[in-house]
Amino acid sequence: MLLYTLVQMIDYLISVVSMVVIVQFVMSLLISFNVINTSNNAVVAIWRALNAILDPLLAPIRRFMPNTGGIDFSPMVLIVLLRLLSILLNGLAASGY
């Protein structure tokens, strides 16, 4: 029972990190198309906070990934890896280990 609760908590954290990755991706698109202005202090603060949270997770993936020009696939790889981790943990909790 305790293992299942722990897995559910980790699964929730994985969902939160995945949502933060999606928010950062959308915000980077909005910045690149000049929909939101980076001279706004609130926008810069949010952008820096998102990068501070996600850079430790995305940097190792970026070192591993080949250079694809201007497209960064590391957020997608991170979401896939987090989802695979969630599936693995839920399978282990269901089997009783």
PDB file of N, CA and C in Angstrom:
ATOM      1  N   MET A   1       0.818  -1.197   0.000  1.00  0.00           N
ATOM      2  CA  MET A   1       0.000   0.000   0.000  1.00  0.00           C
ATOM      3  C   MET A   1       0.863   1.263   0.000  1.00  0.00           C
ATOM      4  N   LEU A   2       1.940   1.237   0.795  1.00  0.00           N
ATOM      5  CA  LEU A   2       2.824   2.387   0.862  1.00  0.00           C
ATOM      6  C   LEU A   2       3.541   2.604  -0.465  1.00  0.00           C
ATOM      7  N   LEU A   3       3.942   1.498  -1.105  1.00  0.00           N
ATOM      8  CA  LEU A   3       4.611   1.602  -2.400  1.00  0.00           C
ATOM      9  C   LEU A   3       3.684   2.215  -3.439  1.00  0.00           C
ATOM     10  N   TYR A   4       2.428   1.806  -3.445  1.00  0.00           N
ATOM     11  CA  TYR A   4       1.468   2.350  -4.397  1.00  0.00           C
ATOM     12  C   TYR A   4       1.261   3.851  -4.168  1.00  0.00           C
ATOM     13  N   THR A   5       1.207   4.266  -2.915  1.00  0.00           N
ATOM     14  CA  THR A   5       1.063   5.689  -2.597  1.00  0.00           C
ATOM     15  C   THR A   5       2.286   6.472  -3.053  1.00  0.00           C
ATOM     16  N   LEU A   6       3.469   5.920  -2.834  1.00  0.00           N
ATOM     17  CA  LEU A   6       4.695   6.573  -3.262  1.00  0.00           C
ATOM     18  C   LEU A   6       4.750   6.701  -4.783  1.00  0.00           C
ATOM     19  N   VAL A   7       4.335   5.663  -5.480  1.00  0.00           N
ATOM     20  CA  VAL A   7       4.307   5.702  -6.944  1.00  0.00           C
ATOM     21  C   VAL A   7       3.303   6.739  -7.430  1.00  0.00           C
ATOM     22  N   GLN A   8       2.184   6.861  -6.783  1.00  0.00           N
ATOM     23  CA  GLN A   8       1.189   7.861  -7.159  1.00  0.00           C
ATOM     24  C   GLN A   8       1.729   9.279  -6.950  1.00  0.00           C
ATOM     25  N   MET A   9       2.482   9.485  -5.892  1.00  0.00           N
ATOM     26  CA  MET A   9       3.079  10.802  -5.651  1.00  0.00           C
ATOM     27  C   MET A   9       4.118  11.129  -6.712  1.00  0.00           C
ATOM     28  N   ILE A  10       4.954  10.159  -7.062  1.00  0.00           N
ATOM     29  CA  ILE A  10       5.949  10.367  -8.114  1.00  0.00           C
ATOM     30  C   ILE A  10       5.265  10.600  -9.447  1.00  0.00           C
ATOM     31  N   ASP A  11       4.189   9.871  -9.704  1.00  0.00           N
ATOM     32  CA  ASP A  11       3.430  10.053 -10.942  1.00  0.00           C
ATOM     33  C   ASP A  11       2.842  11.458 -11.027  1.00  0.00           C
ATOM     34  N   TYR A  12       2.389  11.983  -9.909  1.00  0.00           N
ATOM     35  CA  TYR A  12       1.876  13.353  -9.876  1.00  0.00           C
ATOM     36  C   TYR A  12       2.980  14.365 -10.170  1.00  0.00           C
ATOM     37  N   LEU A  13       4.160  14.158  -9.594  1.00  0.00           N
ATOM     38  CA  LEU A  13       5.291  15.046  -9.862  1.00  0.00           C
ATOM     39  C   LEU A  13       5.711  14.974 -11.330  1.00  0.00           C
ATOM     40  N   ILE A  14       5.661  13.787 -11.914  1.00  0.00           N
ATOM     41  CA  ILE A  14       5.962  13.633 -13.336  1.00  0.00           C
ATOM     42  C   ILE A  14       4.961  14.419 -14.175  1.00  0.00           C
ATOM     43  N   SER A  15       3.702  14.398 -13.797  1.00  0.00           N
ATOM     44  CA  SER A  15       2.682  15.163 -14.516  1.00  0.00           C
ATOM     45  C   SER A  15       2.942  16.668 -14.411  1.00  0.00           C
ATOM     46  N   VAL A  16       3.356  17.119 -13.247  1.00  0.00           N
ATOM     47  CA  VAL A  16       3.642  18.542 -13.054  1.00  0.00           C
ATOM     48  C   VAL A  16       4.834  18.961 -13.909  1.00  0.00           C
ATOM     49  N   VAL A  17       5.895  18.163 -13.918  1.00  0.00           N
ATOM     50  CA  VAL A  17       7.079  18.488 -14.725  1.00  0.00           C
ATOM     51  C   VAL A  17       6.726  18.484 -16.207  1.00  0.00           C
ATOM     52  N   SER A  18       5.918  17.536 -16.638  1.00  0.00           N
ATOM     53  CA  SER A  18       5.493  17.497 -18.040  1.00  0.00           C
ATOM     54  C   SER A  18       4.709  18.747 -18.408  1.00  0.00           C
ATOM     55  N   MET A  19       3.853  19.202 -17.517  1.00  0.00           N
ATOM     56  CA  MET A  19       3.090  20.418 -17.775  1.00  0.00           C
ATOM     57  C   MET A  19       3.999  21.639 -17.835  1.00  0.00           C
ATOM     58  N   VAL A  20       5.016  21.698 -16.990  1.00  0.00           N
ATOM     59  CA  VAL A  20       5.966  22.809 -17.014  1.00  0.00           C
ATOM     60  C   VAL A  20       6.739  22.809 -18.328  1.00  0.00           C
ATOM     61  N   VAL A  21       7.094  21.621 -18.832  1.00  0.00           N
ATOM     62  CA  VAL A  21       7.784  21.525 -20.124  1.00  0.00           C
ATOM     63  C   VAL A  21       6.900  22.079 -21.235  1.00  0.00           C
ATOM     64  N   ILE A  22       5.634  21.743 -21.209  1.00  0.00           N
ATOM     65  CA  ILE A  22       4.699  22.226 -22.233  1.00  0.00           C
ATOM     66  C   ILE A  22       4.539  23.740 -22.130  1.00  0.00           C
ATOM     67  N   VAL A  23       4.450  24.266 -20.909  1.00  0.00           N
ATOM     68  CA  VAL A  23       4.325  25.718 -20.718  1.00  0.00           C
ATOM     69  C   VAL A  23       5.566  26.426 -21.243  1.00  0.00           C
ATOM     70  N   GLN A  24       6.753  25.871 -20.967  1.00  0.00           N
ATOM     71  CA  GLN A  24       7.978  26.476 -21.468  1.00  0.00           C
ATOM     72  C   GLN A  24       8.022  26.446 -22.996  1.00  0.00           C
ATOM     73  N   PHE A  25       7.585  25.360 -23.588  1.00  0.00           N
ATOM     74  CA  PHE A  25       7.572  25.251 -25.042  1.00  0.00           C
ATOM     75  C   PHE A  25       6.640  26.292 -25.666  1.00  0.00           C
ATOM     76  N   VAL A  26       5.443  26.406 -25.129  1.00  0.00           N
ATOM     77  CA  VAL A  26       4.487  27.388 -25.653  1.00  0.00           C
ATOM     78  C   VAL A  26       5.000  28.800 -25.450  1.00  0.00           C
ATOM     79  N   MET A  27       5.601  29.044 -24.293  1.00  0.00           N
ATOM     80  CA  MET A  27       6.129  30.383 -24.031  1.00  0.00           C
ATOM     81  C   MET A  27       7.287  30.702 -24.972  1.00  0.00           C
ATOM     82  N   SER A  28       8.122  29.719 -25.290  1.00  0.00           N
ATOM     83  CA  SER A  28       9.228  29.979 -26.220  1.00  0.00           C
ATOM     84  C   SER A  28       8.699  30.284 -27.617  1.00  0.00           C
ATOM     85  N   LEU A  29       7.618  29.619 -28.018  1.00  0.00           N
ATOM     86  CA  LEU A  29       7.004  29.950 -29.312  1.00  0.00           C
ATOM     87  C   LEU A  29       6.432  31.366 -29.307  1.00  0.00           C
ATOM     88  N   LEU A  30       5.768  31.725 -28.227  1.00  0.00           N
ATOM     89  CA  LEU A  30       5.189  33.064 -28.137  1.00  0.00           C
ATOM     90  C   LEU A  30       6.269  34.143 -28.123  1.00  0.00           C
ATOM     91  N   ILE A  31       7.396  33.853 -27.494  1.00  0.00           N
ATOM     92  CA  ILE A  31       8.507  34.813 -27.485  1.00  0.00           C
ATOM     93  C   ILE A  31       9.123  34.916 -28.871  1.00  0.00           C
ATOM     94  N   SER A  32       9.313  33.773 -29.536  1.00  0.00           N
ATOM     95  CA  SER A  32       9.970  33.811 -30.850  1.00  0.00           C
ATOM     96  C   SER A  32       9.117  34.489 -31.914  1.00  0.00           C
ATOM     97  N   PHE A  33       7.799  34.440 -31.776  1.00  0.00           N
ATOM     98  CA  PHE A  33       6.918  35.114 -32.726  1.00  0.00           C
ATOM     99  C   PHE A  33       6.487  36.497 -32.245  1.00  0.00           C
ATOM    100  N   ASN A  34       7.141  37.010 -31.208  1.00  0.00           N
ATOM    101  CA  ASN A  34       6.885  38.339 -30.646  1.00  0.00           C
ATOM    102  C   ASN A  34       5.429  38.556 -30.227  1.00  0.00           C
ATOM    103  N   VAL A  35       4.802  37.508 -29.742  1.00  0.00           N
ATOM    104  CA  VAL A  35       3.451  37.649 -29.214  1.00  0.00           C
ATOM    105  C   VAL A  35       3.518  38.210 -27.794  1.00  0.00           C
ATOM    106  N   ILE A  36       4.487  37.748 -27.026  1.00  0.00           N
ATOM    107  CA  ILE A  36       4.725  38.324 -25.704  1.00  0.00           C
ATOM    108  C   ILE A  36       6.076  39.027 -25.734  1.00  0.00           C
ATOM    109  N   ASN A  37       6.182  40.085 -24.988  1.00  0.00           N
ATOM    110  CA  ASN A  37       7.343  40.961 -25.035  1.00  0.00           C
ATOM    111  C   ASN A  37       8.314  40.605 -23.912  1.00  0.00           C
ATOM    112  N   THR A  38       9.575  40.401 -24.267  1.00  0.00           N
ATOM    113  CA  THR A  38      10.570  40.045 -23.253  1.00  0.00           C
ATOM    114  C   THR A  38      11.095  41.253 -22.480  1.00  0.00           C
ATOM    115  N   SER A  39      10.637  42.444 -22.810  1.00  0.00           N
ATOM    116  CA  SER A  39      11.026  43.604 -22.004  1.00  0.00           C
ATOM    117  C   SER A  39      10.121  43.750 -20.776  1.00  0.00           C
ATOM    118  N   ASN A  40       9.054  42.969 -20.713  1.00  0.00           N
ATOM    119  CA  ASN A  40       8.173  42.956 -19.554  1.00  0.00           C
ATOM    120  C   ASN A  40       8.851  42.161 -18.430  1.00  0.00           C
ATOM    121  N   ASN A  41       8.942  42.751 -17.253  1.00  0.00           N
ATOM    122  CA  ASN A  41       9.631  42.104 -16.129  1.00  0.00           C
ATOM    123  C   ASN A  41       8.956  40.811 -15.693  1.00  0.00           C
ATOM    124  N   ALA A  42       7.638  40.746 -15.747  1.00  0.00           N
ATOM    125  CA  ALA A  42       6.931  39.531 -15.347  1.00  0.00           C
ATOM    126  C   ALA A  42       7.234  38.386 -16.310  1.00  0.00           C
ATOM    127  N   VAL A  43       7.260  38.691 -17.591  1.00  0.00           N
ATOM    128  CA  VAL A  43       7.561  37.668 -18.598  1.00  0.00           C
ATOM    129  C   VAL A  43       8.978  37.142 -18.412  1.00  0.00           C
ATOM    130  N   VAL A  44       9.922  38.038 -18.179  1.00  0.00           N
ATOM    131  CA  VAL A  44      11.314  37.634 -17.980  1.00  0.00           C
ATOM    132  C   VAL A  44      11.453  36.794 -16.712  1.00  0.00           C
ATOM    133  N   ALA A  45      10.749  37.158 -15.658  1.00  0.00           N
ATOM    134  CA  ALA A  45      10.820  36.405 -14.408  1.00  0.00           C
ATOM    135  C   ALA A  45      10.267  34.992 -14.582  1.00  0.00           C
ATOM    136  N   ILE A  46       9.139  34.877 -15.264  1.00  0.00           N
ATOM    137  CA  ILE A  46       8.545  33.561 -15.514  1.00  0.00           C
ATOM    138  C   ILE A  46       9.462  32.733 -16.403  1.00  0.00           C
ATOM    139  N   TRP A  47      10.028  33.346 -17.451  1.00  0.00           N
ATOM    140  CA  TRP A  47      10.909  32.639 -18.371  1.00  0.00           C
ATOM    141  C   TRP A  47      12.165  32.127 -17.656  1.00  0.00           C
ATOM    142  N   ARG A  48      12.750  32.969 -16.810  1.00  0.00           N
ATOM    143  CA  ARG A  48      13.939  32.556 -16.058  1.00  0.00           C
ATOM    144  C   ARG A  48      13.615  31.445 -15.071  1.00  0.00           C
ATOM    145  N   ALA A  49      12.454  31.530 -14.432  1.00  0.00           N
ATOM    146  CA  ALA A  49      12.070  30.490 -13.482  1.00  0.00           C
ATOM    147  C   ALA A  49      11.852  29.151 -14.192  1.00  0.00           C
ATOM    148  N   LEU A  50      11.178  29.181 -15.334  1.00  0.00           N
ATOM    149  CA  LEU A  50      10.965  27.943 -16.086  1.00  0.00           C
ATOM    150  C   LEU A  50      12.293  27.343 -16.542  1.00  0.00           C
ATOM    151  N   ASN A  51      13.195  28.183 -17.017  1.00  0.00           N
ATOM    152  CA  ASN A  51      14.496  27.682 -17.452  1.00  0.00           C
ATOM    153  C   ASN A  51      15.319  27.161 -16.274  1.00  0.00           C
ATOM    154  N   ALA A  52      15.230  27.802 -15.121  1.00  0.00           N
ATOM    155  CA  ALA A  52      15.963  27.327 -13.949  1.00  0.00           C
ATOM    156  C   ALA A  52      15.450  25.967 -13.491  1.00  0.00           C
ATOM    157  N   ILE A  53      14.159  25.743 -13.640  1.00  0.00           N
ATOM    158  CA  ILE A  53      13.573  24.461 -13.245  1.00  0.00           C
ATOM    159  C   ILE A  53      13.939  23.368 -14.245  1.00  0.00           C
ATOM    160  N   LEU A  54      13.872  23.676 -15.524  1.00  0.00           N
ATOM    161  CA  LEU A  54      14.002  22.636 -16.546  1.00  0.00           C
ATOM    162  C   LEU A  54      15.411  22.439 -17.087  1.00  0.00           C
ATOM    163  N   ASP A  55      16.286  23.405 -16.969  1.00  0.00           N
ATOM    164  CA  ASP A  55      17.638  23.242 -17.523  1.00  0.00           C
ATOM    165  C   ASP A  55      18.394  22.059 -16.930  1.00  0.00           C
ATOM    166  N   PRO A  56      18.316  21.784 -15.629  1.00  0.00           N
ATOM    167  CA  PRO A  56      19.014  20.586 -15.127  1.00  0.00           C
ATOM    168  C   PRO A  56      18.477  19.281 -15.721  1.00  0.00           C
ATOM    169  N   LEU A  57      17.227  19.270 -16.136  1.00  0.00           N
ATOM    170  CA  LEU A  57      16.657  18.066 -16.750  1.00  0.00           C
ATOM    171  C   LEU A  57      16.924  18.003 -18.246  1.00  0.00           C
ATOM    172  N   LEU A  58      16.932  19.150 -18.908  1.00  0.00           N
ATOM    173  CA  LEU A  58      17.084  19.176 -20.358  1.00  0.00           C
ATOM    174  C   LEU A  58      18.543  19.180 -20.815  1.00  0.00           C
ATOM    175  N   ALA A  59      19.461  19.686 -20.002  1.00  0.00           N
ATOM    176  CA  ALA A  59      20.866  19.789 -20.417  1.00  0.00           C
ATOM    177  C   ALA A  59      21.496  18.433 -20.750  1.00  0.00           C
ATOM    178  N   PRO A  60      21.304  17.385 -19.929  1.00  0.00           N
ATOM    179  CA  PRO A  60      21.893  16.092 -20.315  1.00  0.00           C
ATOM    180  C   PRO A  60      21.290  15.527 -21.604  1.00  0.00           C
ATOM    181  N   ILE A  61      20.021  15.779 -21.830  1.00  0.00           N
ATOM    182  CA  ILE A  61      19.377  15.303 -23.061  1.00  0.00           C
ATOM    183  C   ILE A  61      19.926  16.066 -24.252  1.00  0.00           C
ATOM    184  N   ARG A  62      20.151  17.362 -24.099  1.00  0.00           N
ATOM    185  CA  ARG A  62      20.697  18.170 -25.192  1.00  0.00           C
ATOM    186  C   ARG A  62      22.124  17.752 -25.541  1.00  0.00           C
ATOM    187  N   ARG A  63      22.899  17.325 -24.545  1.00  0.00           N
ATOM    188  CA  ARG A  63      24.257  16.845 -24.831  1.00  0.00           C
ATOM    189  C   ARG A  63      24.215  15.538 -25.616  1.00  0.00           C
ATOM    190  N   PHE A  64      23.211  14.722 -25.360  1.00  0.00           N
ATOM    191  CA  PHE A  64      23.090  13.425 -26.010  1.00  0.00           C
ATOM    192  C   PHE A  64      22.511  13.527 -27.421  1.00  0.00           C
ATOM    193  N   MET A  65      21.601  14.469 -27.607  1.00  0.00           N
ATOM    194  CA  MET A  65      20.900  14.606 -28.891  1.00  0.00           C
ATOM    195  C   MET A  65      21.815  15.215 -29.957  1.00  0.00           C
ATOM    196  N   PRO A  66      21.647  14.786 -31.212  1.00  0.00           N
ATOM    197  CA  PRO A  66      22.428  15.421 -32.290  1.00  0.00           C
ATOM    198  C   PRO A  66      21.897  16.821 -32.585  1.00  0.00           C
ATOM    199  N   ASN A  67      22.722  17.651 -33.181  1.00  0.00           N
ATOM    200  CA  ASN A  67      22.334  19.012 -33.532  1.00  0.00           C
ATOM    201  C   ASN A  67      21.374  18.956 -34.724  1.00  0.00           C
ATOM    202  N   THR A  68      20.183  19.478 -34.547  1.00  0.00           N
ATOM    203  CA  THR A  68      19.168  19.447 -35.605  1.00  0.00           C
ATOM    204  C   THR A  68      18.906  20.835 -36.173  1.00  0.00           C
ATOM    205  N   GLY A  69      19.818  21.742 -35.988  1.00  0.00           N
ATOM    206  CA  GLY A  69      19.613  23.095 -36.491  1.00  0.00           C
ATOM    207  C   GLY A  69      18.906  23.935 -35.447  1.00  0.00           C
ATOM    208  N   GLY A  70      17.801  24.530 -35.813  1.00  0.00           N
ATOM    209  CA  GLY A  70      17.081  25.414 -34.912  1.00  0.00           C
ATOM    210  C   GLY A  70      15.989  24.733 -34.109  1.00  0.00           C
ATOM    211  N   ILE A  71      15.799  23.434 -34.293  1.00  0.00           N
ATOM    212  CA  ILE A  71      14.712  22.731 -33.610  1.00  0.00           C
ATOM    213  C   ILE A  71      15.283  21.963 -32.422  1.00  0.00           C
ATOM    214  N   ASP A  72      14.706  22.175 -31.253  1.00  0.00           N
ATOM    215  CA  ASP A  72      15.146  21.499 -30.036  1.00  0.00           C
ATOM    216  C   ASP A  72      14.132  20.410 -29.691  1.00  0.00           C
ATOM    217  N   PHE A  73      14.551  19.162 -29.817  1.00  0.00           N
ATOM    218  CA  PHE A  73      13.668  18.042 -29.515  1.00  0.00           C
ATOM    219  C   PHE A  73      13.797  17.550 -28.080  1.00  0.00           C
ATOM    220  N   SER A  74      14.649  18.178 -27.287  1.00  0.00           N
ATOM    221  CA  SER A  74      14.866  17.701 -25.925  1.00  0.00           C
ATOM    222  C   SER A  74      13.613  17.771 -25.034  1.00  0.00           C
ATOM    223  N   PRO A  75      12.734  18.771 -25.153  1.00  0.00           N
ATOM    224  CA  PRO A  75      11.514  18.722 -24.335  1.00  0.00           C
ATOM    225  C   PRO A  75      10.629  17.520 -24.662  1.00  0.00           C
ATOM    226  N   MET A  76      10.540  17.172 -25.946  1.00  0.00           N
ATOM    227  CA  MET A  76       9.736  16.016 -26.329  1.00  0.00           C
ATOM    228  C   MET A  76      10.356  14.731 -25.782  1.00  0.00           C
ATOM    229  N   VAL A  77      11.685  14.629 -25.856  1.00  0.00           N
ATOM    230  CA  VAL A  77      12.368  13.447 -25.331  1.00  0.00           C
ATOM    231  C   VAL A  77      12.167  13.359 -23.823  1.00  0.00           C
ATOM    232  N   LEU A  78      12.236  14.486 -23.120  1.00  0.00           N
ATOM    233  CA  LEU A  78      12.020  14.495 -21.678  1.00  0.00           C
ATOM    234  C   LEU A  78      10.611  14.024 -21.326  1.00  0.00           C
ATOM    235  N   ILE A  79       9.614  14.491 -22.046  1.00  0.00           N
ATOM    236  CA  ILE A  79       8.236  14.066 -21.771  1.00  0.00           C
ATOM    237  C   ILE A  79       8.074  12.572 -22.022  1.00  0.00           C
ATOM    238  N   VAL A  80       8.670  12.056 -23.089  1.00  0.00           N
ATOM    239  CA  VAL A  80       8.582  10.618 -23.371  1.00  0.00           C
ATOM    240  C   VAL A  80       9.281   9.818 -22.279  1.00  0.00           C
ATOM    241  N   LEU A  81      10.464  10.254 -21.862  1.00  0.00           N
ATOM    242  CA  LEU A  81      11.177   9.546 -20.794  1.00  0.00           C
ATOM    243  C   LEU A  81      10.416   9.577 -19.474  1.00  0.00           C
ATOM    244  N   LEU A  82       9.817  10.715 -19.152  1.00  0.00           N
ATOM    245  CA  LEU A  82       9.023  10.798 -17.921  1.00  0.00           C
ATOM    246  C   LEU A  82       7.803   9.896 -17.983  1.00  0.00           C
ATOM    247  N   ARG A  83       7.188   9.819 -19.151  1.00  0.00           N
ATOM    248  CA  ARG A  83       6.016   8.944 -19.300  1.00  0.00           C
ATOM    249  C   ARG A  83       6.422   7.471 -19.191  1.00  0.00           C
ATOM    250  N   LEU A  84       7.566   7.108 -19.774  1.00  0.00           N
ATOM    251  CA  LEU A  84       8.063   5.740 -19.647  1.00  0.00           C
ATOM    252  C   LEU A  84       8.387   5.400 -18.200  1.00  0.00           C
ATOM    253  N   LEU A  85       8.972   6.351 -17.473  1.00  0.00           N
ATOM    254  CA  LEU A  85       9.244   6.145 -16.051  1.00  0.00           C
ATOM    255  C   LEU A  85       7.948   5.939 -15.269  1.00  0.00           C
ATOM    256  N   SER A  86       6.941   6.701 -15.605  1.00  0.00           N
ATOM    257  CA  SER A  86       5.648   6.561 -14.934  1.00  0.00           C
ATOM    258  C   SER A  86       5.040   5.185 -15.195  1.00  0.00           C
ATOM    259  N   ILE A  87       5.118   4.723 -16.428  1.00  0.00           N
ATOM    260  CA  ILE A  87       4.578   3.402 -16.770  1.00  0.00           C
ATOM    261  C   ILE A  87       5.343   2.320 -16.028  1.00  0.00           C
ATOM    262  N   LEU A  88       6.668   2.447 -15.981  1.00  0.00           N
ATOM    263  CA  LEU A  88       7.498   1.465 -15.282  1.00  0.00           C
ATOM    264  C   LEU A  88       7.177   1.417 -13.806  1.00  0.00           C
ATOM    265  N   LEU A  89       7.068   2.573 -13.172  1.00  0.00           N
ATOM    266  CA  LEU A  89       6.772   2.617 -11.744  1.00  0.00           C
ATOM    267  C   LEU A  89       5.380   2.072 -11.431  1.00  0.00           C
ATOM    268  N   ASN A  90       4.401   2.378 -12.262  1.00  0.00           N
ATOM    269  CA  ASN A  90       3.061   1.851 -12.047  1.00  0.00           C
ATOM    270  C   ASN A  90       3.035   0.348 -12.236  1.00  0.00           C
ATOM    271  N   GLY A  91       3.808  -0.177 -13.184  1.00  0.00           N
ATOM    272  CA  GLY A  91       3.895  -1.630 -13.351  1.00  0.00           C
ATOM    273  C   GLY A  91       4.549  -2.303 -12.164  1.00  0.00           C
ATOM    274  N   LEU A  92       5.600  -1.706 -11.640  1.00  0.00           N
ATOM    275  CA  LEU A  92       6.252  -2.273 -10.454  1.00  0.00           C
ATOM    276  C   LEU A  92       5.339  -2.233  -9.238  1.00  0.00           C
ATOM    277  N   ALA A  93       4.597  -1.153  -9.081  1.00  0.00           N
ATOM    278  CA  ALA A  93       3.680  -1.046  -7.936  1.00  0.00           C
ATOM    279  C   ALA A  93       2.547  -2.055  -8.073  1.00  0.00           C
ATOM    280  N   ALA A  94       2.078  -2.289  -9.290  1.00  0.00           N
ATOM    281  CA  ALA A  94       0.992  -3.244  -9.474  1.00  0.00           C
ATOM    282  C   ALA A  94       1.461  -4.677  -9.244  1.00  0.00           C
ATOM    283  N   SER A  95       2.746  -4.961  -9.544  1.00  0.00           N
ATOM    284  CA  SER A  95       3.237  -6.318  -9.349  1.00  0.00           C
ATOM    285  C   SER A  95       3.611  -6.597  -7.899  1.00  0.00           C
ATOM    286  N   GLY A  96       3.752  -5.553  -7.104  1.00  0.00           N
ATOM    287  CA  GLY A  96       3.990  -5.743  -5.675  1.00  0.00           C
ATOM    288  C   GLY A  96       5.425  -5.608  -5.242  1.00  0.00           C
ATOM    289  N   TYR A  97       6.331  -5.204  -6.128  1.00  0.00           N
ATOM    290  CA  TYR A  97       7.746  -5.057  -5.757  1.00  0.00           C
ATOM    291  C   TYR A  97       7.979  -3.779  -5.037  1.00  0.00           C
TER     292      TYR A  97
END
